[in-house]
Amino acid sequence: MRKLPNFQGCFVCGDRNPSGLAVRFWTDGEIVRTTFTPQEPQMGYRGITHGGVLASLLDETMGWAPCVINGRFCVSVELNVRYLRPLPVGTEVRITGRLVRSRSRIWETEGEVSGADGTVYAKATGRYVPLSDERTREVVEYLTFDEECISPRVLCR
């Protein structure tokens, strides 16, 4: 598994965003993964993680998958989340995302939020539009790559 870079100000992966989730993403070159343990600031109802937090985690995880495979960044144009069970605050989950179809104008993905015991809390599908090569290069310029990260050349071909 190789670590993916992050943008310090991002709500999901930003390590310098005081309101953010500060997760890091990893990939095997096909599937993107992260883990997250929601706390009280991520609650909707008492003791339950807000669905918007799960949607954000799924969107970001699924959005990374086509970037890794196609060497270009993208933006979401559609996100469908099916919430299967309430996620209790304090429960560590794994979020996965993968590319299922890559057309020239739309990249389709799927993702899942699951617990260590196999409980699936949410499933999602997403559709993403690739950024231009120029815009992708601009994004790569402000990402933070450390020694564990994949090469910037993988994300900008």
C-alpha atoms as a PDB file:
ATOM      1  CA  MET A   1       0.000   0.000   0.000  1.00  0.00           C
ATOM      2  CA  ARG A   2       1.247   3.453  -0.899  1.00  0.00           C
ATOM      3  CA  LYS A   3       0.237   6.657   0.838  1.00  0.00           C
ATOM      4  CA  LEU A   4      -1.518   9.373  -1.145  1.00  0.00           C
ATOM      5  CA  PRO A   5      -0.650  13.058  -0.761  1.00  0.00           C
ATOM      6  CA  ASN A   6      -2.945  15.546   0.919  1.00  0.00           C
ATOM      7  CA  PHE A   7      -3.928  19.195   0.742  1.00  0.00           C
ATOM      8  CA  GLN A   8      -3.422  20.731   4.180  1.00  0.00           C
ATOM      9  CA  GLY A   9      -6.635  22.792   4.015  1.00  0.00           C
ATOM     10  CA  CYS A  10      -8.960  20.020   2.807  1.00  0.00           C
ATOM     11  CA  PHE A  11     -11.955  19.223   5.037  1.00  0.00           C
ATOM     12  CA  VAL A  12     -11.402  15.474   4.675  1.00  0.00           C
ATOM     13  CA  CYS A  13      -7.621  15.001   4.374  1.00  0.00           C
ATOM     14  CA  GLY A  14      -6.250  18.331   5.579  1.00  0.00           C
ATOM     15  CA  ASP A  15      -3.935  17.970   8.538  1.00  0.00           C
ATOM     16  CA  ARG A  16      -4.042  21.739   9.151  1.00  0.00           C
ATOM     17  CA  ASN A  17      -7.802  22.225   8.914  1.00  0.00           C
ATOM     18  CA  PRO A  18      -9.012  22.597  12.524  1.00  0.00           C
ATOM     19  CA  SER A  19     -12.578  21.653  11.508  1.00  0.00           C
ATOM     20  CA  GLY A  20     -11.496  18.773   9.283  1.00  0.00           C
ATOM     21  CA  LEU A  21     -11.340  15.009   9.603  1.00  0.00           C
ATOM     22  CA  ALA A  22      -7.555  14.701   8.962  1.00  0.00           C
ATOM     23  CA  VAL A  23      -7.659  11.239   7.401  1.00  0.00           C
ATOM     24  CA  ARG A  24      -4.917   9.903   5.123  1.00  0.00           C
ATOM     25  CA  PHE A  25      -5.499   7.721   2.111  1.00  0.00           C
ATOM     26  CA  TRP A  26      -3.634   4.645   0.920  1.00  0.00           C
ATOM     27  CA  THR A  27      -3.781   2.709  -2.333  1.00  0.00           C
ATOM     28  CA  ASP A  28      -2.643  -0.562  -3.800  1.00  0.00           C
ATOM     29  CA  GLY A  29      -2.910   1.033  -7.246  1.00  0.00           C
ATOM     30  CA  GLU A  30      -6.537   0.035  -7.679  1.00  0.00           C
ATOM     31  CA  ILE A  31      -8.445   0.379  -4.404  1.00  0.00           C
ATOM     32  CA  VAL A  32      -8.173   3.447  -2.160  1.00  0.00           C
ATOM     33  CA  ARG A  33      -8.569   2.988   1.597  1.00  0.00           C
ATOM     34  CA  THR A  34      -8.665   4.982   4.769  1.00  0.00           C
ATOM     35  CA  THR A  35      -9.785   4.495   8.355  1.00  0.00           C
ATOM     36  CA  PHE A  36     -11.709   6.859  10.556  1.00  0.00           C
ATOM     37  CA  THR A  37     -13.056   6.863  14.102  1.00  0.00           C
ATOM     38  CA  PRO A  38     -15.844   9.440  14.484  1.00  0.00           C
ATOM     39  CA  GLN A  39     -15.949  11.472  17.671  1.00  0.00           C
ATOM     40  CA  GLU A  40     -18.564  13.765  19.231  1.00  0.00           C
ATOM     41  CA  PRO A  41     -17.870  16.699  16.854  1.00  0.00           C
ATOM     42  CA  GLN A  42     -19.016  14.444  13.978  1.00  0.00           C
ATOM     43  CA  MET A  43     -22.365  13.538  15.603  1.00  0.00           C
ATOM     44  CA  GLY A  44     -25.795  13.994  14.102  1.00  0.00           C
ATOM     45  CA  TYR A  45     -28.064  12.450  16.698  1.00  0.00           C
ATOM     46  CA  ARG A  46     -26.611  11.733  20.131  1.00  0.00           C
ATOM     47  CA  GLY A  47     -24.010   9.000  19.830  1.00  0.00           C
ATOM     48  CA  ILE A  48     -24.514   8.575  16.056  1.00  0.00           C
ATOM     49  CA  THR A  49     -22.207   9.826  13.301  1.00  0.00           C
ATOM     50  CA  HIS A  50     -23.720  12.435  11.001  1.00  0.00           C
ATOM     51  CA  GLY A  51     -24.508  11.046   7.541  1.00  0.00           C
ATOM     52  CA  GLY A  52     -22.835  14.006   5.879  1.00  0.00           C
ATOM     53  CA  VAL A  53     -19.524  12.994   7.430  1.00  0.00           C
ATOM     54  CA  LEU A  54     -19.879   9.506   5.947  1.00  0.00           C
ATOM     55  CA  ALA A  55     -20.833  11.011   2.575  1.00  0.00           C
ATOM     56  CA  SER A  56     -17.735  13.242   2.651  1.00  0.00           C
ATOM     57  CA  LEU A  57     -15.474  10.315   3.477  1.00  0.00           C
ATOM     58  CA  LEU A  58     -16.999   8.209   0.701  1.00  0.00           C
ATOM     59  CA  ASP A  59     -16.811  11.028  -1.844  1.00  0.00           C
ATOM     60  CA  GLU A  60     -13.142  11.682  -1.167  1.00  0.00           C
ATOM     61  CA  THR A  61     -12.169   7.999  -1.044  1.00  0.00           C
ATOM     62  CA  MET A  62     -14.044   7.132  -4.228  1.00  0.00           C
ATOM     63  CA  GLY A  63     -12.739  10.275  -5.951  1.00  0.00           C
ATOM     64  CA  TRP A  64      -9.131   9.262  -5.377  1.00  0.00           C
ATOM     65  CA  ALA A  65      -9.560   5.871  -7.103  1.00  0.00           C
ATOM     66  CA  PRO A  66      -9.861   7.133 -10.699  1.00  0.00           C
ATOM     67  CA  CYS A  67      -7.096   9.678 -10.072  1.00  0.00           C
ATOM     68  CA  VAL A  68      -4.656   6.921  -9.180  1.00  0.00           C
ATOM     69  CA  ILE A  69      -5.617   4.794 -12.177  1.00  0.00           C
ATOM     70  CA  ASN A  70      -6.009   7.526 -14.808  1.00  0.00           C
ATOM     71  CA  GLY A  71      -3.306   9.958 -13.694  1.00  0.00           C
ATOM     72  CA  ARG A  72      -5.658  12.965 -13.555  1.00  0.00           C
ATOM     73  CA  PHE A  73      -7.677  14.582 -10.820  1.00  0.00           C
ATOM     74  CA  CYS A  74     -11.450  14.837 -10.958  1.00  0.00           C
ATOM     75  CA  VAL A  75     -14.469  16.436  -9.311  1.00  0.00           C
ATOM     76  CA  SER A  76     -17.684  14.746  -8.251  1.00  0.00           C
ATOM     77  CA  VAL A  77     -20.861  15.387 -10.207  1.00  0.00           C
ATOM     78  CA  GLU A  78     -23.059  12.805  -8.519  1.00  0.00           C
ATOM     79  CA  LEU A  79     -22.924  10.958  -5.214  1.00  0.00           C
ATOM     80  CA  ASN A  80     -25.464   8.361  -4.090  1.00  0.00           C
ATOM     81  CA  VAL A  81     -25.157   7.032  -0.556  1.00  0.00           C
ATOM     82  CA  ARG A  82     -27.201   4.222   0.903  1.00  0.00           C
ATOM     83  CA  TYR A  83     -27.061   4.282   4.700  1.00  0.00           C
ATOM     84  CA  LEU A  84     -27.504   0.739   6.004  1.00  0.00           C
ATOM     85  CA  ARG A  85     -26.930   1.166   9.759  1.00  0.00           C
ATOM     86  CA  PRO A  86     -26.269   4.062  12.124  1.00  0.00           C
ATOM     87  CA  LEU A  87     -22.556   4.375  12.870  1.00  0.00           C
ATOM     88  CA  PRO A  88     -21.958   4.785  16.606  1.00  0.00           C
ATOM     89  CA  VAL A  89     -19.481   7.489  17.584  1.00  0.00           C
ATOM     90  CA  GLY A  90     -16.185   5.923  18.639  1.00  0.00           C
ATOM     91  CA  THR A  91     -16.429   3.007  16.175  1.00  0.00           C
ATOM     92  CA  GLU A  92     -13.435   2.710  13.869  1.00  0.00           C
ATOM     93  CA  VAL A  93     -14.425   2.100  10.262  1.00  0.00           C
ATOM     94  CA  ARG A  94     -12.626   1.416   7.021  1.00  0.00           C
ATOM     95  CA  ILE A  95     -13.681   3.314   3.924  1.00  0.00           C
ATOM     96  CA  THR A  96     -12.854   1.895   0.499  1.00  0.00           C
ATOM     97  CA  GLY A  97     -13.325   3.231  -2.991  1.00  0.00           C
ATOM     98  CA  ARG A  98     -12.685   1.816  -6.428  1.00  0.00           C
ATOM     99  CA  LEU A  99     -13.170   2.732 -10.051  1.00  0.00           C
ATOM    100  CA  VAL A 100     -15.804   0.597 -11.813  1.00  0.00           C
ATOM    101  CA  ARG A 101     -16.019   2.299 -15.220  1.00  0.00           C
ATOM    102  CA  SER A 102     -13.790   4.833 -16.920  1.00  0.00           C
ATOM    103  CA  ARG A 103     -15.165   6.693 -19.910  1.00  0.00           C
ATOM    104  CA  SER A 104     -13.535   9.740 -21.406  1.00  0.00           C
ATOM    105  CA  ARG A 105     -15.997  12.192 -19.810  1.00  0.00           C
ATOM    106  CA  ILE A 106     -17.358  10.348 -16.744  1.00  0.00           C
ATOM    107  CA  TRP A 107     -15.605   8.071 -14.264  1.00  0.00           C
ATOM    108  CA  GLU A 108     -17.883   5.816 -12.175  1.00  0.00           C
ATOM    109  CA  THR A 109     -16.921   4.537  -8.730  1.00  0.00           C
ATOM    110  CA  GLU A 110     -18.247   2.595  -5.771  1.00  0.00           C
ATOM    111  CA  GLY A 111     -17.379   2.683  -2.105  1.00  0.00           C
ATOM    112  CA  GLU A 112     -18.193   1.257   1.295  1.00  0.00           C
ATOM    113  CA  VAL A 113     -17.923   2.095   4.987  1.00  0.00           C
ATOM    114  CA  SER A 114     -17.435  -1.013   7.134  1.00  0.00           C
ATOM    115  CA  GLY A 115     -16.405  -1.950  10.645  1.00  0.00           C
ATOM    116  CA  ALA A 116     -13.696  -4.388  11.744  1.00  0.00           C
ATOM    117  CA  ASP A 117     -16.398  -6.963  12.467  1.00  0.00           C
ATOM    118  CA  GLY A 118     -17.654  -6.800   8.867  1.00  0.00           C
ATOM    119  CA  THR A 119     -20.682  -4.611   9.579  1.00  0.00           C
ATOM    120  CA  VAL A 120     -21.412  -2.434   6.542  1.00  0.00           C
ATOM    121  CA  TYR A 121     -22.685   0.999   7.568  1.00  0.00           C
ATOM    122  CA  ALA A 122     -22.991   2.626   4.147  1.00  0.00           C
ATOM    123  CA  LYS A 123     -22.444   1.945   0.452  1.00  0.00           C
ATOM    124  CA  ALA A 124     -22.117   4.516  -2.290  1.00  0.00           C
ATOM    125  CA  THR A 125     -21.691   5.107  -5.978  1.00  0.00           C
ATOM    126  CA  GLY A 126     -20.272   8.201  -7.546  1.00  0.00           C
ATOM    127  CA  ARG A 127     -19.701   9.845 -10.891  1.00  0.00           C
ATOM    128  CA  TYR A 128     -16.694  12.088 -11.458  1.00  0.00           C
ATOM    129  CA  VAL A 129     -15.541  14.369 -14.261  1.00  0.00           C
ATOM    130  CA  PRO A 130     -11.800  14.495 -14.972  1.00  0.00           C
ATOM    131  CA  LEU A 131      -9.968  17.797 -14.722  1.00  0.00           C
ATOM    132  CA  SER A 132      -7.812  18.958 -17.602  1.00  0.00           C
ATOM    133  CA  ASP A 133      -4.145  18.014 -17.631  1.00  0.00           C
ATOM    134  CA  GLU A 134      -3.310  21.653 -16.873  1.00  0.00           C
ATOM    135  CA  ARG A 135      -5.636  21.818 -13.861  1.00  0.00           C
ATOM    136  CA  THR A 136      -4.306  18.454 -12.624  1.00  0.00           C
ATOM    137  CA  ARG A 137      -0.752  19.847 -12.703  1.00  0.00           C
ATOM    138  CA  GLU A 138      -1.949  22.884 -10.713  1.00  0.00           C
ATOM    139  CA  VAL A 139      -3.485  20.619  -8.052  1.00  0.00           C
ATOM    140  CA  VAL A 140      -0.318  18.528  -7.770  1.00  0.00           C
ATOM    141  CA  GLU A 141       1.637  21.727  -7.076  1.00  0.00           C
ATOM    142  CA  TYR A 142      -0.193  22.423  -3.797  1.00  0.00           C
ATOM    143  CA  LEU A 143      -0.390  18.855  -2.476  1.00  0.00           C
ATOM    144  CA  THR A 144       1.923  17.669   0.275  1.00  0.00           C
ATOM    145  CA  PHE A 145       3.997  14.623  -0.678  1.00  0.00           C
ATOM    146  CA  ASP A 146       6.108  12.989   2.006  1.00  0.00           C
ATOM    147  CA  GLU A 147       8.609  10.149   1.619  1.00  0.00           C
ATOM    148  CA  GLU A 148       5.867   7.498   1.984  1.00  0.00           C
ATOM    149  CA  CYS A 149       3.691   8.946  -0.804  1.00  0.00           C
ATOM    150  CA  ILE A 150       3.346   7.737  -4.339  1.00  0.00           C
ATOM    151  CA  SER A 151       5.208   9.794  -6.894  1.00  0.00           C
ATOM    152  CA  PRO A 152       3.604  12.984  -8.210  1.00  0.00           C
ATOM    153  CA  ARG A 153       4.193  11.516 -11.689  1.00  0.00           C
ATOM    154  CA  VAL A 154       1.561   8.856 -10.945  1.00  0.00           C
ATOM    155  CA  LEU A 155      -1.073  11.552 -10.413  1.00  0.00           C
ATOM    156  CA  CYS A 156      -0.023  13.773 -13.292  1.00  0.00           C
ATOM    157  CA  ARG A 157       0.770  11.873 -16.477  1.00  0.00           C
END
